[in-house]
Protein backbone atom coordinates (compact mmCIF):
# COMPACT_ATOMS: atom_id res chain seq x y z
CA UNK A 1 96.53 80.74 129.71
CA UNK A 2 100.31 80.74 129.67
CA UNK A 3 102.26 80.63 132.91
CA UNK A 4 104.56 83.59 133.56
CA UNK A 5 107.54 81.32 132.93
CA UNK A 6 106.26 80.29 129.49
CA UNK A 7 105.36 83.89 128.67
CA UNK A 8 108.92 85.06 129.34
CA UNK A 9 110.27 82.13 127.37
CA UNK A 10 108.18 83.27 124.42
CA UNK A 11 109.55 86.78 124.84
CA UNK A 12 113.07 85.40 124.73
CA UNK A 13 112.28 83.45 121.56
CA UNK A 14 110.76 86.59 120.05
CA UNK A 15 113.87 88.66 120.79
CA UNK A 16 116.13 85.97 119.32
CA UNK A 17 114.03 85.93 116.14
CA UNK A 18 114.58 89.66 115.72
CA UNK A 19 118.09 89.77 117.19
CA UNK A 20 119.53 86.62 115.57
CA UNK A 21 122.28 86.15 118.20
CA UNK A 22 122.18 87.95 121.56
CA UNK A 23 124.06 87.83 124.83
CA UNK A 24 122.33 86.96 128.06
CA UNK A 25 122.75 90.57 129.16
CA UNK A 26 121.04 91.88 126.03
CA UNK A 27 118.17 89.44 126.45
CA UNK A 28 117.81 90.33 130.14
CA UNK A 29 117.47 94.00 129.21
CA UNK A 30 115.00 93.34 126.39
CA UNK A 31 112.61 91.17 128.45
CA UNK A 32 113.08 93.31 131.58
CA UNK A 33 114.02 90.44 133.88
CA UNK A 34 117.00 90.01 136.17
CA UNK A 35 120.11 88.29 134.86
CA UNK A 36 119.75 85.20 137.11
CA UNK A 37 116.13 84.68 135.98
CA UNK A 38 117.09 85.21 132.33
CA UNK A 39 119.96 82.72 132.53
CA UNK A 40 117.65 80.14 134.14
CA UNK A 41 115.04 80.58 131.39
CA UNK A 42 117.70 80.37 128.69
CA UNK A 43 119.01 77.18 130.27
CA UNK A 44 115.54 75.66 130.12
CA UNK A 45 115.15 76.69 126.47
CA UNK A 46 118.54 75.13 125.68
CA UNK A 47 117.47 71.88 127.39
CA UNK A 48 114.20 71.95 125.42
CA UNK A 49 116.21 72.14 122.19
CA UNK A 50 114.86 75.52 121.06
CA UNK A 51 117.91 77.67 121.80
CA UNK A 52 121.63 76.96 121.44
CA UNK A 53 124.74 78.51 122.91
CA UNK A 54 126.93 80.14 120.27
CA UNK A 55 130.12 80.79 122.19
CA UNK A 56 131.30 83.94 123.87
CA UNK A 57 131.27 87.58 122.77
CA UNK A 58 134.55 89.55 122.68
CA UNK A 59 135.57 90.79 126.10
CA UNK A 60 135.35 94.48 126.97
CA UNK A 61 137.41 94.02 130.10
CA UNK A 62 135.30 91.72 132.23
CA UNK A 63 133.92 88.23 131.91
CA UNK A 64 132.93 87.43 128.33
CA UNK A 65 129.13 87.05 127.91
CA UNK A 66 127.60 83.87 126.50
CA UNK A 67 125.84 84.32 123.13
CA UNK A 68 122.52 82.60 122.42
CA UNK A 69 120.58 81.97 119.19
CA UNK A 70 117.55 80.04 118.03
CA UNK A 71 118.29 76.50 117.01
CA UNK A 72 117.70 75.91 113.28
CA UNK A 73 114.69 73.86 112.29
CA UNK A 74 112.65 74.50 115.43
CA UNK A 75 110.47 77.53 114.68
CA UNK A 76 108.87 78.06 111.30
CA UNK A 77 106.43 80.63 109.96
CA UNK A 78 104.25 80.49 106.86
CA UNK A 79 104.45 83.83 105.05
CA UNK A 80 101.95 84.93 102.41
CA UNK A 81 102.43 87.98 100.19
CA UNK A 82 99.35 88.89 98.16
CA UNK A 83 98.95 91.51 95.48
CA UNK A 84 96.06 92.20 93.13
CA UNK A 85 97.03 89.39 90.77
CA UNK A 86 99.65 87.10 92.32
CA UNK A 87 100.07 85.42 95.70
CA UNK A 88 103.42 84.14 96.97
CA UNK A 89 103.71 81.62 99.78
CA UNK A 90 106.82 80.71 101.74
CA UNK A 91 107.95 78.72 104.74
CA UNK A 92 110.56 80.63 106.72
CA UNK A 93 112.90 79.28 109.40
CA UNK A 94 112.98 82.05 112.01
CA UNK A 95 116.50 81.12 113.13
CA UNK A 96 117.88 83.47 110.48
CA UNK A 97 114.78 84.33 108.38
CA UNK A 98 115.86 81.74 105.83
CA UNK A 99 113.22 81.04 103.18
CA UNK A 100 113.00 77.25 103.07
CA UNK A 101 110.56 76.92 100.19
CA UNK A 102 108.40 79.26 98.17
CA UNK A 103 105.68 79.10 95.54
CA UNK A 104 103.79 81.61 93.40
CA UNK A 105 100.19 81.22 92.27
CA UNK A 106 97.92 83.38 90.14
CA UNK A 107 95.08 84.61 92.34
CA UNK A 108 93.23 87.75 91.15
CA UNK A 109 91.58 89.56 94.05
CA UNK A 110 89.15 91.89 92.30
CA UNK A 111 85.63 90.58 91.66
CA UNK A 112 86.63 87.09 92.79
CA UNK A 113 84.21 85.69 95.40
CA UNK A 114 86.19 82.45 95.68
CA UNK A 115 89.47 84.04 96.80
CA UNK A 116 89.36 82.82 100.41
CA UNK A 117 88.31 79.30 99.53
CA UNK A 118 91.01 79.06 96.88
CA UNK A 119 93.62 80.53 99.21
CA UNK A 120 92.78 78.06 101.99
CA UNK A 121 93.04 75.10 99.62
CA UNK A 122 96.32 76.32 98.16
CA UNK A 123 97.80 76.96 101.61
CA UNK A 124 96.93 73.46 102.83
CA UNK A 125 98.46 71.94 99.71
CA UNK A 126 101.58 74.10 99.99
CA UNK A 127 102.14 73.29 103.69
CA UNK A 128 101.58 69.56 103.12
CA UNK A 129 104.13 69.60 100.28
CA UNK A 130 106.68 71.62 102.27
CA UNK A 131 107.79 68.61 104.40
CA UNK A 132 107.71 70.87 107.49
CA UNK A 133 105.63 69.36 110.29
CA UNK A 134 102.70 71.59 111.23
CA UNK A 135 103.53 71.42 114.93
CA UNK A 136 106.74 73.32 114.14
CA UNK A 137 104.84 76.14 112.42
CA UNK A 138 104.08 78.79 115.04
CA UNK A 139 101.81 80.91 112.86
CA UNK A 140 100.97 82.40 109.49
CA UNK A 141 101.40 86.03 108.45
CA UNK A 142 99.55 87.41 105.43
CA UNK A 143 100.14 90.72 103.70
CA UNK A 144 97.56 92.06 101.27
CA UNK A 145 96.76 95.33 99.49
CA UNK A 146 93.87 97.56 100.48
CA UNK A 147 92.18 98.82 103.62
CA UNK A 148 92.93 96.07 106.14
CA UNK A 149 91.25 96.22 109.55
CA UNK A 150 93.71 94.25 111.66
CA UNK A 151 91.46 94.14 114.75
CA UNK A 152 88.47 92.71 112.85
CA UNK A 153 90.42 90.61 110.36
CA UNK A 154 88.67 92.23 107.40
CA UNK A 155 89.93 93.69 104.11
CA UNK A 156 87.49 96.39 102.94
CA UNK A 157 89.09 96.71 99.50
CA UNK A 158 89.49 93.03 98.58
CA UNK A 159 88.29 89.73 100.08
CA UNK A 160 85.41 91.66 101.60
CA UNK A 161 83.27 89.34 103.67
CA UNK A 162 81.16 89.42 106.80
CA UNK A 163 83.38 86.68 108.20
CA UNK A 164 86.82 87.45 109.61
CA UNK A 165 89.54 86.38 107.18
CA UNK A 166 91.61 85.36 110.19
CA UNK A 167 88.87 83.15 111.66
CA UNK A 168 88.12 81.54 108.30
CA UNK A 169 91.73 80.63 107.55
CA UNK A 170 92.52 79.49 111.08
CA UNK A 171 89.62 77.03 110.91
CA UNK A 172 90.57 75.79 107.43
CA UNK A 173 94.34 75.61 107.86
CA UNK A 174 94.66 74.99 111.59
CA UNK A 175 97.45 77.52 112.22
CA UNK A 176 97.26 80.88 114.05
CA UNK A 177 96.84 83.63 111.42
CA UNK A 178 97.70 87.35 111.39
CA UNK A 179 96.91 89.74 108.51
CA UNK A 180 97.98 93.27 107.68
CA UNK A 181 98.34 95.75 104.83
CA UNK A 182 101.24 94.89 102.53
CA UNK A 183 103.02 98.24 102.92
CA UNK A 184 102.75 98.12 106.70
CA UNK A 185 104.38 94.68 106.65
CA UNK A 186 107.18 95.88 104.40
CA UNK A 187 107.82 98.69 106.91
CA UNK A 188 107.81 96.11 109.72
CA UNK A 189 110.34 93.99 107.82
CA UNK A 190 112.68 96.95 107.39
CA UNK A 191 112.18 98.11 111.00
CA UNK A 192 112.74 94.75 112.66
CA UNK A 193 115.18 93.04 110.32
CA UNK A 194 116.32 95.41 107.58
CA UNK A 195 117.52 98.89 106.68
CA UNK A 196 115.47 100.67 109.37
CA UNK A 197 116.58 98.51 112.31
CA UNK A 198 117.41 100.72 115.29
CA UNK A 199 115.81 103.83 113.75
CA UNK A 200 112.89 105.71 115.32
CA UNK A 201 111.35 107.82 112.55
CA UNK A 202 111.25 106.12 109.17
CA UNK A 203 109.20 106.20 105.98
CA UNK A 204 109.25 102.97 103.96
CA UNK A 205 108.05 103.38 100.38
CA UNK A 206 106.62 100.25 98.75
CA UNK A 207 107.29 100.55 95.01
CA UNK A 208 104.83 98.10 93.57
CA UNK A 209 101.72 98.03 91.39
CA UNK A 210 100.80 101.03 93.54
CA UNK A 211 103.05 103.22 95.71
CA UNK A 212 102.52 102.20 99.32
CA UNK A 213 103.82 103.72 102.52
CA UNK A 214 104.65 102.23 105.91
CA UNK A 215 105.49 104.53 108.81
CA UNK A 216 107.63 104.02 111.88
CA UNK A 217 107.14 106.97 114.24
CA UNK A 218 108.83 107.21 117.64
CA UNK A 219 110.01 103.62 117.26
CA UNK A 220 106.50 102.19 116.69
CA UNK A 221 104.72 101.08 113.52
CA UNK A 222 102.14 103.83 112.94
CA UNK A 223 98.70 102.83 111.65
CA UNK A 224 96.48 105.85 112.33
CA UNK A 225 93.16 105.94 114.20
CA UNK A 226 91.40 103.44 111.91
CA UNK A 227 94.49 101.49 110.88
CA UNK A 228 94.54 102.84 107.32
CA UNK A 229 97.49 105.27 107.53
CA UNK A 230 99.93 105.25 104.62
CA UNK A 231 97.75 105.58 101.52
CA UNK A 232 100.57 107.37 99.74
CA UNK A 233 99.44 106.13 96.32
CA UNK A 234 96.32 108.27 96.40
CA UNK A 235 97.76 111.67 97.19
CA UNK A 236 96.46 113.88 94.33
CA UNK A 237 99.65 115.30 92.81
CA UNK A 238 98.85 115.59 89.11
CA UNK A 239 96.33 117.25 86.82
CA UNK A 240 96.47 114.48 84.21
CA UNK A 241 92.84 113.36 83.88
CA UNK A 242 94.00 109.77 84.50
CA UNK A 243 91.51 107.67 86.44
CA UNK A 244 93.05 105.89 89.43
CA UNK A 245 91.94 102.54 90.83
CA UNK A 246 90.50 104.44 93.80
CA UNK A 247 88.01 106.17 91.50
CA UNK A 248 89.65 109.61 91.56
CA UNK A 249 92.09 111.16 89.12
CA UNK A 250 95.58 112.57 89.34
CA UNK A 251 96.82 110.29 92.15
CA UNK A 252 100.54 109.60 92.54
CA UNK A 253 99.84 106.01 91.46
CA UNK A 254 98.75 107.19 87.99
CA UNK A 255 102.26 108.48 87.21
CA UNK A 256 104.63 106.42 89.34
CA UNK A 257 103.54 102.80 89.88
CA UNK A 258 105.26 99.85 88.23
CA UNK A 259 102.04 99.22 86.29
CA UNK A 260 102.35 102.70 84.79
CA UNK A 261 106.03 102.06 84.02
CA UNK A 262 105.01 98.92 82.11
CA UNK A 263 102.23 100.78 80.26
CA UNK A 264 104.63 103.55 79.22
CA UNK A 265 107.20 100.96 78.13
CA UNK A 266 104.66 99.15 75.92
CA UNK A 267 103.48 102.45 74.43
CA UNK A 268 107.03 103.64 73.77
CA UNK A 269 108.09 100.39 72.10
CA UNK A 270 105.01 100.53 69.85
CA UNK A 271 106.02 104.05 68.81
CA UNK A 272 109.49 102.80 67.86
CA UNK A 273 111.61 103.83 70.84
CA UNK A 274 115.08 102.38 70.49
CA UNK A 275 115.65 99.79 73.20
CA UNK A 276 117.16 96.40 73.90
CA UNK A 277 113.61 95.45 74.92
CA UNK A 278 112.17 94.48 71.55
CA UNK A 279 108.92 93.34 73.18
CA UNK A 280 107.76 92.86 76.74
CA UNK A 281 106.35 89.59 78.10
CA UNK A 282 102.57 89.50 78.53
CA UNK A 283 102.92 88.46 82.18
CA UNK A 284 103.15 91.71 84.16
CA UNK A 285 105.67 90.35 86.68
CA UNK A 286 107.95 89.20 83.89
CA UNK A 287 107.45 92.53 82.11
CA UNK A 288 108.41 94.38 85.30
CA UNK A 289 111.55 92.28 85.69
CA UNK A 290 112.44 92.82 82.02
CA UNK A 291 112.30 96.62 82.37
CA UNK A 292 114.30 96.64 85.61
CA UNK A 293 116.92 94.26 84.18
CA UNK A 294 117.21 96.36 81.02
CA UNK A 295 117.70 99.50 83.12
CA UNK A 296 120.39 97.81 85.22
CA UNK A 297 122.14 96.85 81.96
CA UNK A 298 122.08 100.51 80.90
CA UNK A 299 119.18 100.55 78.43
CA UNK A 300 118.47 104.26 77.93
CA UNK A 301 114.72 103.90 77.50
CA UNK A 302 114.34 101.67 80.58
CA UNK A 303 116.45 104.04 82.69
CA UNK A 304 114.32 106.95 81.48
CA UNK A 305 111.12 105.15 82.53
CA UNK A 306 112.39 104.44 86.05
CA UNK A 307 113.86 107.93 86.38
CA UNK A 308 110.53 109.53 85.53
CA UNK A 309 108.69 107.32 88.03
CA UNK A 310 111.39 107.96 90.64
CA UNK A 311 111.15 111.72 90.23
CA UNK A 312 107.37 111.56 90.73
CA UNK A 313 107.80 109.39 93.82
CA UNK A 314 110.36 111.86 95.12
CA UNK A 315 107.88 114.70 94.62
CA UNK A 316 105.43 112.88 96.88
CA UNK A 317 108.16 112.07 99.41
CA UNK A 318 109.06 115.77 99.60
CA UNK A 319 105.54 116.51 100.84
CA UNK A 320 105.84 113.84 103.52
CA UNK A 321 109.24 115.14 104.65
CA UNK A 322 107.64 118.51 105.34
CA UNK A 323 104.99 116.80 107.47
CA UNK A 324 106.98 114.06 109.24
CA UNK A 325 110.66 115.10 109.19
CA UNK A 326 111.93 111.47 109.06
CA UNK A 327 115.50 110.41 109.77
CA UNK A 328 115.41 107.68 107.11
CA UNK A 329 113.50 106.96 103.89
CA UNK A 330 113.70 103.37 102.61
CA UNK A 331 112.72 102.46 99.05
CA UNK A 332 111.47 98.89 99.22
CA UNK A 333 109.10 96.43 97.57
CA UNK A 334 109.06 94.87 94.10
CA UNK A 335 110.49 97.88 92.27
CA UNK A 336 113.42 98.25 94.67
CA UNK A 337 115.28 95.52 92.81
CA UNK A 338 116.40 98.33 90.48
CA UNK A 339 118.64 99.37 93.36
CA UNK A 340 120.60 102.60 93.19
CA UNK A 341 118.94 103.62 89.91
CA UNK A 342 116.13 105.05 92.06
CA UNK A 343 118.34 107.21 94.24
CA UNK A 344 119.30 110.00 91.82
CA UNK A 345 115.79 110.85 90.48
CA UNK A 346 114.14 110.54 93.91
CA UNK A 347 116.81 112.70 95.53
CA UNK A 348 116.59 115.21 92.68
CA UNK A 349 112.87 115.69 93.32
CA UNK A 350 113.45 115.99 97.07
CA UNK A 351 116.09 118.65 96.40
CA UNK A 352 113.70 120.47 94.07
CA UNK A 353 110.56 120.45 96.22
CA UNK A 354 111.74 120.21 99.82
CA UNK A 355 113.04 122.91 102.17
CA UNK A 356 116.77 122.12 102.52
CA UNK A 357 116.84 122.39 106.32
CA UNK A 358 114.10 119.76 106.57
CA UNK A 359 115.58 117.42 103.98
CA UNK A 360 119.21 117.67 105.12
CA UNK A 361 118.88 115.05 107.87
CA UNK A 362 116.62 112.66 105.95
CA UNK A 363 118.78 109.81 104.66
CA UNK A 364 117.63 107.99 101.51
CA UNK A 365 118.44 104.31 100.91
CA UNK A 366 117.25 101.28 98.95
CA UNK A 367 116.24 98.06 100.69
CA UNK A 368 118.23 94.87 100.21
CA UNK A 369 115.04 92.81 100.65
CA UNK A 370 113.47 93.83 97.32
CA UNK A 371 110.59 91.48 96.48
CA UNK A 372 111.22 89.40 99.61
CA UNK A 373 110.26 92.34 101.83
CA UNK A 374 106.58 91.46 102.18
CA UNK A 375 107.31 87.79 102.88
CA UNK A 376 109.81 88.75 105.57
CA UNK A 377 107.37 91.32 106.95
CA UNK A 378 104.62 88.69 107.16
CA UNK A 379 106.96 86.47 109.18
CA UNK A 380 107.87 89.43 111.39
CA UNK A 381 104.15 90.03 112.00
CA UNK A 382 103.80 86.54 113.48
CA UNK A 383 106.81 87.06 115.73
CA UNK A 384 105.61 90.54 116.70
CA UNK A 385 102.45 88.96 118.11
CA UNK A 386 104.12 85.82 119.46
CA UNK A 387 103.99 86.86 123.12
CA UNK A 388 100.70 88.75 122.93
CA UNK A 389 98.24 85.92 122.38
CA UNK A 390 98.96 83.09 124.82
CA UNK A 391 96.76 80.56 123.08
CA UNK A 392 97.15 76.93 124.08
CA UNK A 393 97.77 75.56 120.60
CA UNK A 394 100.61 78.06 120.14
CA UNK A 395 102.29 76.84 123.33
CA UNK A 396 101.89 73.23 122.26
CA UNK A 397 103.67 74.06 118.98
CA UNK A 398 106.78 75.46 120.62
CA UNK A 399 107.12 74.94 124.36
CA UNK A 400 106.82 71.17 124.35
């Protein structure tokens, strides 16, 4: 077990990961310890080479407070962002959430009994090739689609196994592991480090192969009673007789996901729609990028495709505004790289379907993280749990 001193040191490191650079007063308030105790702990962390002094903050009339930050190259996290077809791995320096190295591998999840074995082998290879010593890696965060039971370490939609995914990977890779649903992690990224920082009631929409939802309610990531809250993709909004991946028809996903955008683009080009996109790449990620880039360049057909998807997403958001009355709605995930092109159609649908008094205080914005959101969220997940599991090997990695 950790001593109380080491526990508070870990809390300081956690706050510096999320706060980047903080004064001693801010840290004292965040860890709920007196200023003398906080200064003593910070001094020890400075001597241990984990924290550095960054000068003094501007004076507000009294003595200028000392600013502290994590020292670069001391605390790393392995982040893994999985979707149905592709897995991205990254090593992130938590000093400023800098992505040190990254790699993408093809790893289909559906009907693939070897997913965990393959993932473990690829992770070991990736970490060994990263040149980052394992004793500097404090943990691994993994985001994945589907119904993820965080407490049991099981994904009921993909990677289904009687064995905990967390236990399996910890034994194979030798690093503490945390898993969560991809949309929940994207919400955590925005809440802790992005557009939703400092906000209490936020909806984060993950525009991806499906349309995910992460919720921050009363300043806390909301998961629901079984941990499966946020299945926005499967709200039945349409009478279109289109079968969804969930087995039902008419879900939001069938008219608004990036997969549907690609399908409609391919169909339109075959029918002779005029476009700068003469043909789309066979790789779905490259096809997605091609459509978004064409839209950014002003291609009428590409803009039309995103506008239609955005309007349908906005129709779903309008329903959620009536239920949750959020202060902020963040459009994030893979599709968010289209930027402000989403804002007009989404806002138009909100204006059309939502009661004005409810919608008037709900701000709409697009994330700056784009496709990095899940990787950053996976890193944030490790830090979020950094002071909650005082396991000996974690202490050895950092407080030595």
